[in-house]
C-alpha atoms as a PDB file:
ATOM      1  CA  MET A   1     -15.914  11.769  14.514  1.00  0.00           C
ATOM      2  CA  THR A   2     -15.772  13.004  18.214  1.00  0.00           C
ATOM      3  CA  GLY A   3     -16.478  16.632  19.236  1.00  0.00           C
ATOM      4  CA  GLY A   4     -13.268  16.782  21.485  1.00  0.00           C
ATOM      5  CA  ALA A   5      -9.886  17.958  20.771  1.00  0.00           C
ATOM      6  CA  MET A   6      -7.414  15.820  19.345  1.00  0.00           C
ATOM      7  CA  ILE A   7      -3.462  14.929  19.276  1.00  0.00           C
ATOM      8  CA  GLN A   8      -2.039  13.654  16.074  1.00  0.00           C
ATOM      9  CA  VAL A   9       0.214  10.837  16.438  1.00  0.00           C
ATOM     10  CA  ARG A  10       2.495   8.529  14.508  1.00  0.00           C
ATOM     11  CA  VAL A  11       3.415   4.411  15.688  1.00  0.00           C
ATOM     12  CA  LEU A  12       6.510   4.777  17.589  1.00  0.00           C
ATOM     13  CA  GLY A  13       6.570   1.127  17.299  1.00  0.00           C
ATOM     14  CA  ILE A  14       5.455  -2.322  18.392  1.00  0.00           C
ATOM     15  CA  ALA A  15       6.133  -3.853  21.677  1.00  0.00           C
ATOM     16  CA  LEU A  16       5.781  -6.489  23.743  1.00  0.00           C
ATOM     17  CA  ASP A  17       4.858  -6.485  27.415  1.00  0.00           C
ATOM     18  CA  GLN A  18       5.697  -9.534  29.593  1.00  0.00           C
ATOM     19  CA  SER A  19       3.560 -11.724  28.804  1.00  0.00           C
ATOM     20  CA  GLY A  20       4.314 -11.986  25.715  1.00  0.00           C
ATOM     21  CA  GLN A  21       1.028  -9.663  24.603  1.00  0.00           C
ATOM     22  CA  HIS A  22       1.422  -7.083  21.047  1.00  0.00           C
ATOM     23  CA  LEU A  23       1.329  -3.094  21.975  1.00  0.00           C
ATOM     24  CA  VAL A  24       0.979  -0.750  19.449  1.00  0.00           C
ATOM     25  CA  LEU A  25       2.737   2.849  20.974  1.00  0.00           C
ATOM     26  CA  LEU A  26       1.436   5.762  19.684  1.00  0.00           C
ATOM     27  CA  THR A  27       3.460   9.401  20.096  1.00  0.00           C
ATOM     28  CA  PRO A  28       2.248  13.003  19.061  1.00  0.00           C
ATOM     29  CA  LEU A  29       3.815  14.435  16.146  1.00  0.00           C
ATOM     30  CA  VAL A  30       4.926  17.474  18.962  1.00  0.00           C
ATOM     31  CA  ALA A  31       5.621  15.904  21.792  1.00  0.00           C
ATOM     32  CA  ASP A  32       6.110  18.211  25.233  1.00  0.00           C
ATOM     33  CA  PRO A  33      10.530  17.955  25.404  1.00  0.00           C
ATOM     34  CA  ASP A  34       9.632  18.200  29.025  1.00  0.00           C
ATOM     35  CA  GLU A  35       7.256  15.222  29.297  1.00  0.00           C
ATOM     36  CA  PRO A  36       7.265  13.485  26.468  1.00  0.00           C
ATOM     37  CA  ARG A  37       4.652  10.485  26.848  1.00  0.00           C
ATOM     38  CA  VAL A  38       3.442   7.266  24.464  1.00  0.00           C
ATOM     39  CA  LEU A  39       0.462   5.655  24.339  1.00  0.00           C
ATOM     40  CA  PRO A  40       0.385   1.903  24.677  1.00  0.00           C
ATOM     41  CA  ILE A  41      -2.247   0.034  23.002  1.00  0.00           C
ATOM     42  CA  TRP A  42      -2.984  -3.959  23.368  1.00  0.00           C
ATOM     43  CA  ILE A  43      -3.110  -5.188  20.461  1.00  0.00           C
ATOM     44  CA  GLY A  44      -3.498  -9.193  18.429  1.00  0.00           C
ATOM     45  CA  SER A  45      -0.350 -10.581  17.098  1.00  0.00           C
ATOM     46  CA  GLN A  46      -2.124 -10.688  13.385  1.00  0.00           C
ATOM     47  CA  GLU A  47      -2.164  -7.062  13.849  1.00  0.00           C
ATOM     48  CA  ALA A  48       0.953  -6.088  15.628  1.00  0.00           C
ATOM     49  CA  ASN A  49       2.453  -8.195  12.625  1.00  0.00           C
ATOM     50  CA  SER A  50       0.521  -6.374   9.673  1.00  0.00           C
ATOM     51  CA  ILE A  51       1.602  -2.733  11.272  1.00  0.00           C
ATOM     52  CA  LEU A  52       5.179  -3.762  11.094  1.00  0.00           C
ATOM     53  CA  ILE A  53       5.617  -5.455   8.182  1.00  0.00           C
ATOM     54  CA  ALA A  54       3.372  -1.905   6.558  1.00  0.00           C
ATOM     55  CA  LEU A  55       5.781   0.410   8.862  1.00  0.00           C
ATOM     56  CA  ASN A  56       8.753  -1.471   7.342  1.00  0.00           C
ATOM     57  CA  GLY A  57       7.532  -1.349   3.240  1.00  0.00           C
ATOM     58  CA  GLU A  58       7.436  -4.843   2.935  1.00  0.00           C
ATOM     59  CA  HIS A  59       4.793  -6.882   1.235  1.00  0.00           C
ATOM     60  CA  THR A  60       3.987 -10.432   1.661  1.00  0.00           C
ATOM     61  CA  PRO A  61       3.292 -12.852  -1.447  1.00  0.00           C
ATOM     62  CA  ARG A  62      -0.476 -13.067  -0.131  1.00  0.00           C
ATOM     63  CA  PRO A  63      -2.806  -9.942   0.905  1.00  0.00           C
ATOM     64  CA  LEU A  64      -3.328  -9.611   4.410  1.00  0.00           C
ATOM     65  CA  THR A  65      -6.552  -8.541   5.742  1.00  0.00           C
ATOM     66  CA  HIS A  66      -5.670  -5.140   5.585  1.00  0.00           C
ATOM     67  CA  ASP A  67      -4.208  -5.297   2.253  1.00  0.00           C
ATOM     68  CA  LEU A  68      -6.961  -6.403   0.896  1.00  0.00           C
ATOM     69  CA  THR A  69      -9.390  -3.788   2.686  1.00  0.00           C
ATOM     70  CA  MET A  70      -6.403  -0.885   0.885  1.00  0.00           C
ATOM     71  CA  THR A  71      -7.567  -2.946  -2.522  1.00  0.00           C
ATOM     72  CA  LEU A  72     -11.010  -3.149  -1.660  1.00  0.00           C
ATOM     73  CA  VAL A  73     -11.166   1.166  -0.862  1.00  0.00           C
ATOM     74  CA  ASP A  74      -8.820   1.825  -3.991  1.00  0.00           C
ATOM     75  CA  VAL A  75     -11.193  -0.133  -6.290  1.00  0.00           C
ATOM     76  CA  LEU A  76     -14.624   2.023  -5.166  1.00  0.00           C
ATOM     77  CA  GLY A  77     -12.730   5.430  -6.066  1.00  0.00           C
ATOM     78  CA  ALA A  78     -12.259   6.005  -2.250  1.00  0.00           C
ATOM     79  CA  ARG A  79      -9.605   6.748   0.277  1.00  0.00           C
ATOM     80  CA  ILE A  80      -9.003   6.639   4.280  1.00  0.00           C
ATOM     81  CA  GLU A  81      -8.018  10.090   4.866  1.00  0.00           C
ATOM     82  CA  GLN A  82      -7.530   9.521   8.351  1.00  0.00           C
ATOM     83  CA  VAL A  83      -8.226   7.401  11.935  1.00  0.00           C
ATOM     84  CA  GLU A  84      -8.907   8.684  15.203  1.00  0.00           C
ATOM     85  CA  VAL A  85      -9.131   7.053  18.401  1.00  0.00           C
ATOM     86  CA  THR A  86     -12.135   8.784  20.179  1.00  0.00           C
ATOM     87  CA  ARG A  87     -12.559   7.380  23.415  1.00  0.00           C
ATOM     88  CA  LEU A  88     -11.486   4.686  25.714  1.00  0.00           C
ATOM     89  CA  ASP A  89     -14.457   2.515  27.383  1.00  0.00           C
ATOM     90  CA  GLY A  90     -13.883   0.075  30.516  1.00  0.00           C
ATOM     91  CA  GLY A  91     -10.632  -0.131  29.114  1.00  0.00           C
ATOM     92  CA  THR A  92     -11.589  -0.601  25.653  1.00  0.00           C
ATOM     93  CA  PHE A  93     -10.253   1.218  22.711  1.00  0.00           C
ATOM     94  CA  PHE A  94     -12.688   2.941  19.843  1.00  0.00           C
ATOM     95  CA  ALA A  95     -11.960   4.045  16.681  1.00  0.00           C
ATOM     96  CA  GLU A  96     -12.779   5.780  13.504  1.00  0.00           C
ATOM     97  CA  VAL A  97     -11.767   5.779  10.205  1.00  0.00           C
ATOM     98  CA  THR A  98     -12.700   8.321   7.818  1.00  0.00           C
ATOM     99  CA  LEU A  99     -13.135   7.658   4.376  1.00  0.00           C
ATOM    100  CA  VAL A 100     -13.535  10.107   1.775  1.00  0.00           C
ATOM    101  CA  THR A 101     -15.675   8.718  -1.160  1.00  0.00           C
ATOM    102  CA  ARG A 102     -17.452   9.729  -3.890  1.00  0.00           C
ATOM    103  CA  GLN A 103     -20.522  10.570  -2.023  1.00  0.00           C
ATOM    104  CA  GLY A 104     -18.979  12.480   0.538  1.00  0.00           C
ATOM    105  CA  PRO A 105     -16.834  11.380   3.855  1.00  0.00           C
ATOM    106  CA  ARG A 106     -17.536   8.254   5.212  1.00  0.00           C
ATOM    107  CA  VAL A 107     -16.897   7.717   8.722  1.00  0.00           C
ATOM    108  CA  VAL A 108     -16.302   3.976   9.413  1.00  0.00           C
ATOM    109  CA  ASP A 109     -16.121   1.929  13.708  1.00  0.00           C
ATOM    110  CA  ALA A 110     -13.058   0.029  14.124  1.00  0.00           C
ATOM    111  CA  ARG A 111     -10.586  -1.357  16.705  1.00  0.00           C
ATOM    112  CA  PRO A 112      -7.912   1.043  16.746  1.00  0.00           C
ATOM    113  CA  SER A 113      -5.861  -2.103  15.800  1.00  0.00           C
ATOM    114  CA  ASP A 114      -7.391  -2.102  12.225  1.00  0.00           C
ATOM    115  CA  ALA A 115      -7.386   1.250  12.142  1.00  0.00           C
ATOM    116  CA  ILE A 116      -3.814   1.995  12.753  1.00  0.00           C
ATOM    117  CA  ALA A 117      -2.960  -0.940   9.803  1.00  0.00           C
ATOM    118  CA  LEU A 118      -4.716   0.704   7.710  1.00  0.00           C
ATOM    119  CA  ALA A 119      -3.605   4.298   8.194  1.00  0.00           C
ATOM    120  CA  VAL A 120       0.323   2.957   8.073  1.00  0.00           C
ATOM    121  CA  ARG A 121      -0.674   1.377   4.453  1.00  0.00           C
ATOM    122  CA  ALA A 122      -2.462   4.974   3.611  1.00  0.00           C
ATOM    123  CA  ASP A 123       0.021   7.449   4.651  1.00  0.00           C
ATOM    124  CA  ALA A 124      -3.517   8.920   6.534  1.00  0.00           C
ATOM    125  CA  THR A 125      -3.200  10.819   9.858  1.00  0.00           C
ATOM    126  CA  ILE A 126      -3.372   9.290  12.907  1.00  0.00           C
ATOM    127  CA  ARG A 127      -5.022  11.106  15.502  1.00  0.00           C
ATOM    128  CA  VAL A 128      -6.019  10.539  19.237  1.00  0.00           C
ATOM    129  CA  ALA A 129      -8.746  11.972  21.611  1.00  0.00           C
ATOM    130  CA  GLU A 130      -6.995  15.012  24.068  1.00  0.00           C
ATOM    131  CA  ALA A 131      -8.999  13.041  27.133  1.00  0.00           C
ATOM    132  CA  VAL A 132      -7.776   9.373  26.108  1.00  0.00           C
ATOM    133  CA  PHE A 133      -4.214  10.328  25.579  1.00  0.00           C
ATOM    134  CA  GLU A 134      -3.658  11.852  29.032  1.00  0.00           C
ATOM    135  CA  ASP A 135      -6.055   9.158  30.544  1.00  0.00           C
ATOM    136  CA  ALA A 136      -4.101   6.346  29.519  1.00  0.00           C
ATOM    137  CA  SER A 137      -0.299   7.343  27.766  1.00  0.00           C
ATOM    138  CA  ILE A 138       2.867   6.592  29.930  1.00  0.00           C
ATOM    139  CA  PRO A 139       6.313   8.528  29.889  1.00  0.00           C
ATOM    140  CA  ALA A 140       8.088   8.138  26.626  1.00  0.00           C
ATOM    141  CA  ALA A 141      10.982   6.604  28.843  1.00  0.00           C
ATOM    142  CA  LEU A 142       9.274   3.722  29.758  1.00  0.00           C
ATOM    143  CA  ALA A 143       8.249   2.774  26.572  1.00  0.00           C
ATOM    144  CA  GLY A 144      11.782   3.848  24.827  1.00  0.00           C
ATOM    145  CA  ALA A 145      13.715   0.816  25.484  1.00  0.00           C
ATOM    146  CA  ALA A 146      10.787  -2.003  25.402  1.00  0.00           C
ATOM    147  CA  VAL A 147      10.446  -0.555  21.143  1.00  0.00           C
ATOM    148  CA  GLU A 148      14.581  -0.872  20.874  1.00  0.00           C
ATOM    149  CA  ALA A 149      14.295  -4.554  22.393  1.00  0.00           C
ATOM    150  CA  ASP A 150      11.284  -5.399  20.249  1.00  0.00           C
ATOM    151  CA  GLU A 151      12.819  -3.884  17.045  1.00  0.00           C
ATOM    152  CA  ALA A 152      16.375  -5.655  17.498  1.00  0.00           C
ATOM    153  CA  ASP A 153      14.958  -8.994  17.916  1.00  0.00           C
ATOM    154  CA  ALA A 154      12.602  -8.401  14.951  1.00  0.00           C
ATOM    155  CA  SER A 155      15.642  -7.894  13.238  1.00  0.00           C
ATOM    156  CA  GLY A 156      17.619 -10.494  14.215  1.00  0.00           C
ATOM    157  CA  GLU A 157      20.678  -7.889  14.369  1.00  0.00           C
ATOM    158  CA  THR A 158      21.932  -5.265  16.631  1.00  0.00           C
ATOM    159  CA  SER A 159      25.240  -3.055  15.982  1.00  0.00           C
ATOM    160  CA  ALA A 160      27.630  -2.175  18.768  1.00  0.00           C
ATOM    161  CA  ASP A 161      26.076   1.432  18.953  1.00  0.00           C
ATOM    162  CA  ALA A 162      22.863  -1.064  19.666  1.00  0.00           C
ATOM    163  CA  ALA A 163      24.087  -3.046  22.031  1.00  0.00           C
ATOM    164  CA  ASP A 164      25.005  -0.126  24.013  1.00  0.00           C
ATOM    165  CA  GLU A 165      21.687   2.119  23.883  1.00  0.00           C
ATOM    166  CA  ALA A 166      20.435  -1.068  25.009  1.00  0.00           C
ATOM    167  CA  SER A 167      23.218  -1.112  28.123  1.00  0.00           C
ATOM    168  CA  VAL A 168      22.292   2.371  29.358  1.00  0.00           C
ATOM    169  CA  ASP A 169      18.425   1.778  28.664  1.00  0.00           C
ATOM    170  CA  GLU A 170      18.334  -1.470  30.832  1.00  0.00           C
ATOM    171  CA  ALA A 171      17.373   0.780  34.119  1.00  0.00           C
ATOM    172  CA  LYS A 172      14.698   1.678  31.523  1.00  0.00           C
ATOM    173  CA  LEU A 173      13.378  -1.215  30.662  1.00  0.00           C
ATOM    174  CA  GLU A 174      12.739  -2.674  33.902  1.00  0.00           C
ATOM    175  CA  GLU A 175      11.053   0.216  34.655  1.00  0.00           C
ATOM    176  CA  PHE A 176       8.919  -0.201  31.896  1.00  0.00           C
ATOM    177  CA  LYS A 177       8.563  -4.269  32.560  1.00  0.00           C
ATOM    178  CA  ARG A 178       7.461  -3.152  36.134  1.00  0.00           C
ATOM    179  CA  PHE A 179       4.869  -1.126  35.193  1.00  0.00           C
ATOM    180  CA  LEU A 180       3.464  -3.422  32.718  1.00  0.00           C
ATOM    181  CA  ASP A 181       3.436  -6.090  35.258  1.00  0.00           C
ATOM    182  CA  GLU A 182       1.284  -4.051  37.524  1.00  0.00           C
ATOM    183  CA  VAL A 183      -1.252  -2.368  34.236  1.00  0.00           C
ATOM    184  CA  ASP A 184      -4.177  -5.159  33.008  1.00  0.00           C
ATOM    185  CA  PRO A 185      -4.196  -5.185  29.329  1.00  0.00           C
ATOM    186  CA  GLU A 186      -8.152  -5.536  29.544  1.00  0.00           C
ATOM    187  CA  ASP A 187      -7.927  -1.338  30.441  1.00  0.00           C
ATOM    188  CA  PHE A 188      -5.541  -0.462  27.305  1.00  0.00           C
ATOM    189  CA  GLU A 189      -7.667  -3.480  24.634  1.00  0.00           C
ATOM    190  CA  GLY A 190      -7.924  -2.056  21.395  1.00  0.00           C
END
């Protein structure tokens, strides 16, 4: 585990950048009301799908890799206590999964995308190192419109209210798209 200060976060959602790459967006449980921020981490499409399935409480006919991992953890009498995004090095995020086992706690290195997919399934705490959050987070207003647009695309349905909100958030979405055009995904790989 990391020795620095940690911020507890939750998964805000999954979004797509301009090039069609997936992002998982993390937001603090206790956000600064004056300047709410979100941490985007680029992830693979399979991990994005796995996180969305778990967030929506859905099940697949056959277990996904993260479902199988959870079954193995359970069969071995362990549980996932928390995941931590511990550092950002050369544009790559690093994470750890803390397991509680019969032999005591065990910390396992993991990609953030896998760690988050497991945390969502296990209802485990997700934390991000304060230094990582400060270095890599963006204003929440930039991320909010992208998540809403992605959720609407995923469901295939939008209510009249959602359509109105989408048009109001168009400027925010455009600003977020400009940000994504300027940033290199390798700066935030999970």
